[in-house]
Protein backbone atom coordinates (compact mmCIF):
# COMPACT_ATOMS: atom_id res chain seq x y z
CA MET A 1 -128.33 -9.90 -68.88
CA LEU A 2 -128.76 -13.12 -67.37
CA ALA A 3 -131.93 -12.42 -66.26
CA ALA A 4 -133.18 -11.13 -69.61
CA GLY A 5 -132.25 -14.58 -71.14
CA ILE A 6 -134.01 -16.84 -68.90
CA VAL A 7 -137.25 -14.35 -69.28
CA ALA A 8 -136.58 -14.72 -73.03
CA LEU A 9 -136.67 -19.01 -72.40
CA ALA A 10 -139.10 -19.00 -70.11
CA ALA A 11 -141.28 -16.80 -72.30
CA GLY A 12 -140.26 -18.97 -75.38
CA THR A 13 -140.87 -22.59 -73.29
CA TYR A 14 -144.01 -20.96 -72.21
CA ALA A 15 -145.13 -20.52 -75.86
CA PHE A 16 -143.58 -24.04 -77.59
CA ARG A 17 -146.09 -25.77 -74.46
CA TRP A 18 -149.37 -23.23 -75.27
CA ALA A 19 -148.85 -23.69 -78.89
CA GLY A 20 -149.08 -27.24 -79.14
CA PRO A 21 -152.80 -27.37 -77.96
CA ALA A 22 -154.06 -24.37 -79.01
CA LEU A 23 -152.65 -25.49 -82.46
CA ARG A 24 -153.62 -29.25 -82.63
CA ASP A 25 -156.37 -29.39 -84.29
CA ARG A 26 -155.74 -26.54 -87.12
CA VAL A 27 -152.09 -28.06 -88.35
CA ARG A 28 -152.17 -31.53 -90.01
CA LEU A 29 -148.85 -32.80 -90.94
CA PRO A 30 -148.65 -35.68 -93.35
CA THR A 31 -148.10 -39.05 -92.37
CA ARG A 32 -144.51 -39.13 -93.76
CA VAL A 33 -143.37 -36.21 -91.11
CA VAL A 34 -144.73 -38.04 -88.44
CA ARG A 35 -143.40 -40.69 -89.01
CA LEU A 36 -139.83 -39.28 -89.84
CA LEU A 37 -140.25 -37.17 -86.17
CA GLU A 38 -141.53 -40.34 -84.74
CA ILE A 39 -137.96 -41.72 -86.03
CA GLY A 40 -136.11 -38.74 -85.26
CA ALA A 41 -137.15 -38.55 -81.62
CA VAL A 42 -135.99 -42.05 -81.34
CA VAL A 43 -132.31 -41.98 -82.92
CA LEU A 44 -131.78 -38.56 -80.86
CA LEU A 45 -132.74 -40.51 -77.45
CA THR A 46 -130.48 -43.46 -78.44
CA ALA A 47 -127.66 -41.15 -78.65
CA LEU A 48 -128.22 -38.87 -76.12
CA VAL A 49 -128.63 -42.43 -73.81
CA ALA A 50 -125.63 -43.99 -75.47
CA VAL A 51 -123.50 -40.43 -75.00
CA THR A 52 -124.49 -39.95 -71.32
CA THR A 53 -124.06 -43.55 -70.24
CA LEU A 54 -121.27 -44.83 -72.06
CA PRO A 55 -118.22 -42.09 -71.09
CA LEU A 56 -115.84 -43.88 -73.38
CA GLY A 57 -112.01 -41.99 -73.47
CA THR A 58 -113.21 -40.15 -70.37
CA ALA A 59 -112.49 -42.96 -67.42
CA ASP A 60 -112.19 -46.92 -66.86
CA LEU A 61 -115.69 -47.71 -67.79
CA GLY A 62 -115.78 -51.01 -65.91
CA TYR A 63 -118.84 -53.84 -65.87
CA ALA A 64 -121.31 -52.22 -63.64
CA MET A 65 -122.55 -48.97 -65.60
CA PRO A 66 -123.20 -50.83 -68.60
CA ALA A 67 -124.51 -53.72 -67.26
CA GLY A 68 -126.99 -51.16 -65.20
CA VAL A 69 -128.02 -49.43 -69.08
CA LEU A 70 -128.94 -53.38 -70.03
CA VAL A 71 -130.75 -54.41 -67.36
CA GLY A 72 -132.78 -50.82 -67.91
CA GLY A 73 -133.50 -51.32 -71.60
CA ALA A 74 -134.68 -54.72 -70.77
CA VAL A 75 -137.00 -53.21 -68.29
CA ALA A 76 -138.04 -50.53 -71.07
CA TRP A 77 -138.48 -53.36 -73.46
CA PHE A 78 -141.45 -54.67 -71.60
CA ARG A 79 -142.87 -51.07 -71.40
CA ARG A 80 -142.54 -50.73 -67.73
CA PRO A 81 -143.07 -47.56 -66.35
CA ILE A 82 -139.86 -44.84 -66.78
CA LEU A 83 -139.38 -44.93 -62.81
CA LEU A 84 -139.00 -48.36 -62.79
CA VAL A 85 -136.25 -48.59 -65.33
CA ILE A 86 -134.53 -45.80 -63.89
CA VAL A 87 -134.47 -47.34 -60.62
CA ALA A 88 -133.72 -50.83 -61.78
CA ALA A 89 -130.65 -49.64 -63.55
CA ALA A 90 -129.78 -47.07 -60.98
CA ALA A 91 -130.12 -50.07 -58.35
CA THR A 92 -128.07 -52.73 -60.52
CA THR A 93 -125.33 -50.29 -61.05
CA ALA A 94 -125.53 -49.84 -57.35
CA LEU A 95 -125.50 -53.80 -56.50
CA LEU A 96 -122.89 -54.55 -58.79
CA ARG A 97 -120.17 -51.94 -57.32
CA VAL A 98 -120.74 -52.57 -53.85
CA LEU A 99 -120.15 -56.04 -54.85
CA GLY A 100 -116.65 -54.87 -56.17
CA VAL A 101 -117.59 -55.09 -60.05
CA SER A 102 -116.68 -51.51 -61.20
């Protein structure tokens, strides 16, 4: 049963990835729909970041993790590569924890 689920999800993923380039010239979305999809993606990613980086109510949050997120956000604001954003956020959090700031 598990193998069938994995195969089904793999096939669905492949179909979605294939459909983008295959249907690019055939399907035209209205400008308003494209704009709403862009806004929806930003809202979804923001919510994901907030939920995963700020685990409120599960433990003592401290200052290191929010500081790392803030630094990562600042680096992203200047449109740097995502790898640099992740490394800057992780390094900030790690450095603060090494210095004793939890």
